[in-house]
Protein backbone atom coordinates (compact mmCIF):
# COMPACT_ATOMS: atom_id res chain seq x y z
CA UNK A 1 0.00 0.00 0.00
CA UNK A 2 1.29 3.44 -0.86
CA UNK A 3 1.46 6.22 1.67
CA UNK A 4 1.68 9.98 1.75
CA UNK A 5 3.18 12.34 4.27
CA UNK A 6 0.82 15.19 5.01
CA UNK A 7 0.00 17.77 7.64
CA UNK A 8 -2.29 16.26 10.25
CA UNK A 9 -5.73 17.68 11.04
CA UNK A 10 -8.03 17.55 14.05
CA UNK A 11 -9.71 14.52 12.45
CA UNK A 12 -6.46 12.62 13.04
CA UNK A 13 -6.33 13.24 16.81
CA UNK A 14 -7.82 9.91 17.92
CA UNK A 15 -5.69 7.87 15.52
CA UNK A 16 -2.58 9.81 16.56
CA UNK A 17 -3.25 9.07 20.24
CA UNK A 18 -3.67 5.37 19.41
CA UNK A 19 -0.43 5.38 17.40
CA UNK A 20 1.39 7.19 20.22
CA UNK A 21 0.24 4.52 22.68
CA UNK A 22 2.07 1.95 20.52
CA UNK A 23 5.18 3.93 19.60
CA UNK A 24 6.05 6.01 22.67
CA UNK A 25 6.73 3.04 24.99
CA UNK A 26 9.30 1.75 22.49
CA UNK A 27 11.37 4.90 23.00
CA UNK A 28 11.41 4.61 26.80
CA UNK A 29 14.30 3.15 28.77
CA UNK A 30 13.87 -0.55 29.59
CA UNK A 31 13.28 0.15 33.30
CA UNK A 32 10.46 2.65 32.74
CA UNK A 33 7.40 1.82 34.77
CA UNK A 34 4.09 1.21 33.00
CA UNK A 35 2.53 3.80 35.36
CA UNK A 36 5.04 6.49 34.27
CA UNK A 37 4.48 5.66 30.60
CA UNK A 38 0.70 5.78 31.05
CA UNK A 39 0.93 9.12 32.85
CA UNK A 40 2.98 10.57 30.01
CA UNK A 41 0.59 9.24 27.38
CA UNK A 42 -2.35 10.77 29.25
CA UNK A 43 -0.73 14.17 29.74
CA UNK A 44 1.15 14.59 26.47
CA UNK A 45 -0.10 12.18 23.81
CA UNK A 46 -3.85 11.89 24.39
CA UNK A 47 -6.50 12.71 21.80
CA UNK A 48 -7.31 15.95 23.65
CA UNK A 49 -3.63 16.91 23.76
CA UNK A 50 -3.24 16.32 20.02
CA UNK A 51 -6.25 18.58 19.46
CA UNK A 52 -4.48 21.30 21.46
CA UNK A 53 -1.37 20.88 19.29
CA UNK A 54 -3.51 21.51 16.19
CA UNK A 55 -4.83 24.72 17.75
CA UNK A 56 -1.29 26.04 18.37
CA UNK A 57 0.02 28.04 15.38
CA UNK A 58 3.61 27.27 16.44
CA UNK A 59 3.06 23.50 16.17
CA UNK A 60 3.06 21.38 13.02
CA UNK A 61 2.13 17.69 13.07
CA UNK A 62 3.03 15.57 10.04
CA UNK A 63 1.67 12.05 9.53
CA UNK A 64 2.48 9.09 7.35
CA UNK A 65 -0.95 8.16 5.99
CA UNK A 66 -1.38 4.78 4.31
CA UNK A 67 -4.93 4.75 3.04
CA UNK A 68 -6.33 6.26 6.22
CA UNK A 69 -4.10 4.28 8.59
CA UNK A 70 -1.45 6.37 10.30
CA UNK A 71 1.98 4.71 10.23
CA UNK A 72 4.03 7.47 11.84
CA UNK A 73 4.09 11.09 12.89
CA UNK A 74 6.34 13.97 13.78
CA UNK A 75 5.64 17.11 15.78
CA UNK A 76 7.57 20.32 15.15
CA UNK A 77 7.55 23.29 17.53
CA UNK A 78 8.53 26.72 16.19
CA UNK A 79 9.41 28.40 19.48
CA UNK A 80 12.64 29.29 21.20
CA UNK A 81 13.60 26.55 23.66
CA UNK A 82 12.30 27.19 27.18
CA UNK A 83 14.82 24.84 28.80
CA UNK A 84 17.97 26.84 29.66
CA UNK A 85 20.20 23.76 29.23
CA UNK A 86 18.93 23.44 25.66
CA UNK A 87 19.05 27.15 24.81
CA UNK A 88 22.67 27.34 26.00
CA UNK A 89 23.95 24.71 23.53
CA UNK A 90 22.05 25.43 20.31
CA UNK A 91 23.95 27.26 17.58
CA UNK A 92 21.66 27.01 14.53
CA UNK A 93 19.21 29.85 15.15
CA UNK A 94 16.38 30.43 14.60
CA UNK A 95 15.50 26.82 15.23
CA UNK A 96 12.59 24.45 15.57
CA UNK A 97 12.25 21.50 17.91
CA UNK A 98 11.53 18.07 16.51
CA UNK A 99 9.52 17.23 19.62
CA UNK A 100 8.24 13.86 18.42
CA UNK A 101 9.19 11.53 15.59
CA UNK A 102 7.73 8.03 15.72
CA UNK A 103 6.99 5.27 13.24
CA UNK A 104 4.87 2.18 13.97
CA UNK A 105 7.19 -0.78 14.68
CA UNK A 106 5.69 -2.74 11.77
CA UNK A 107 7.30 -0.14 9.50
CA UNK A 108 10.74 0.06 11.11
CA UNK A 109 13.54 -0.60 8.66
CA UNK A 110 11.41 0.14 5.57
CA UNK A 111 12.47 3.75 4.98
CA UNK A 112 9.33 5.33 6.43
CA UNK A 113 11.23 7.07 9.24
CA UNK A 114 13.72 8.52 6.76
CA UNK A 115 10.88 9.86 4.60
CA UNK A 116 9.21 11.36 7.66
CA UNK A 117 12.49 12.94 8.75
CA UNK A 118 13.01 14.48 5.31
CA UNK A 119 9.49 15.91 5.36
CA UNK A 120 10.06 17.29 8.87
CA UNK A 121 13.34 18.91 7.84
CA UNK A 122 11.66 20.40 4.77
CA UNK A 123 8.77 21.78 6.86
CA UNK A 124 11.10 23.41 9.40
CA UNK A 125 13.26 24.86 6.65
CA UNK A 126 10.23 26.20 4.75
CA UNK A 127 9.11 27.93 7.96
CA UNK A 128 12.42 29.82 8.11
CA UNK A 129 14.34 27.76 10.66
CA UNK A 130 18.11 27.47 10.27
CA UNK A 131 18.37 24.54 12.66
CA UNK A 132 16.42 21.63 14.05
CA UNK A 133 16.97 20.17 17.51
CA UNK A 134 15.59 17.29 19.56
CA UNK A 135 15.95 15.48 22.85
CA UNK A 136 16.43 11.72 22.82
CA UNK A 137 16.78 9.41 25.80
CA UNK A 138 20.46 8.64 26.30
CA UNK A 139 19.66 4.90 26.42
CA UNK A 140 17.78 4.83 23.09
CA UNK A 141 20.67 3.65 20.90
CA UNK A 142 18.49 2.87 17.88
CA UNK A 143 17.02 6.39 17.76
CA UNK A 144 20.41 8.01 18.37
CA UNK A 145 21.89 6.11 15.39
CA UNK A 146 18.94 7.17 13.22
CA UNK A 147 19.29 10.82 14.21
CA UNK A 148 23.05 10.75 13.57
CA UNK A 149 22.40 9.29 10.08
CA UNK A 150 19.92 12.15 9.59
CA UNK A 151 22.61 14.74 10.23
CA UNK A 152 22.11 15.45 13.94
CA UNK A 153 24.99 15.65 16.39
CA UNK A 154 24.96 15.67 20.16
CA UNK A 155 25.46 19.16 21.55
CA UNK A 156 24.36 18.79 25.18
CA UNK A 157 22.09 17.10 27.71
CA UNK A 158 18.82 17.85 29.45
CA UNK A 159 16.41 16.25 31.90
CA UNK A 160 13.07 14.80 30.86
CA UNK A 161 10.25 13.98 33.27
CA UNK A 162 8.55 10.65 32.54
CA UNK A 163 5.69 10.30 35.00
CA UNK A 164 7.45 10.41 38.36
CA UNK A 165 10.92 9.66 37.02
CA UNK A 166 13.65 12.01 35.84
CA UNK A 167 15.23 10.68 32.66
CA UNK A 168 18.31 11.99 30.89
CA UNK A 169 18.25 13.06 27.25
CA UNK A 170 20.91 13.95 24.77
CA UNK A 171 20.23 17.25 23.01
CA UNK A 172 20.96 16.81 19.30
CA UNK A 173 21.03 19.52 16.65
CA UNK A 174 21.41 19.75 12.89
CA UNK A 175 21.64 22.62 10.44
CA UNK A 176 18.91 22.80 7.83
CA UNK A 177 19.35 23.09 4.12
CA UNK A 178 20.95 19.73 3.43
CA UNK A 179 19.77 16.18 3.97
CA UNK A 180 22.44 13.48 4.34
């Protein structure tokens, strides 16, 4: 089945929340508690939360749509970083945050994540950003490798709250304008 990458709409909110419930736990450290993961899903990746993202003019959500089934999504935020640890290490300004970038595990290794990354880079660049940054759990080796192949490099660290647990993320950044 063919797919398209498009900007998500409010009609996608429920399917995005369902996809997030499958993909987000895969990015968590092995010792993450189910309660912490559930709390994060409820506060950050619920249907209502996705609807609020669509209402925010500084947020862009892209989806991989395969005949109405969502296979992946990314969320871009066009705001200056609020975290001082992040703001202190970024050099490609103005920048956007690649806040979320997930592909359903059935589509890992098939090029879907690379296509989604290219579309995300293009969207940030078209919006006038010179750089793109993200936070990735320091134990998520698969994602780190993918981001490095996509042109990101580690520039710092930050904390991430997962439920009741403080996790540690690498801050990664890449200049826009070229795709490796």
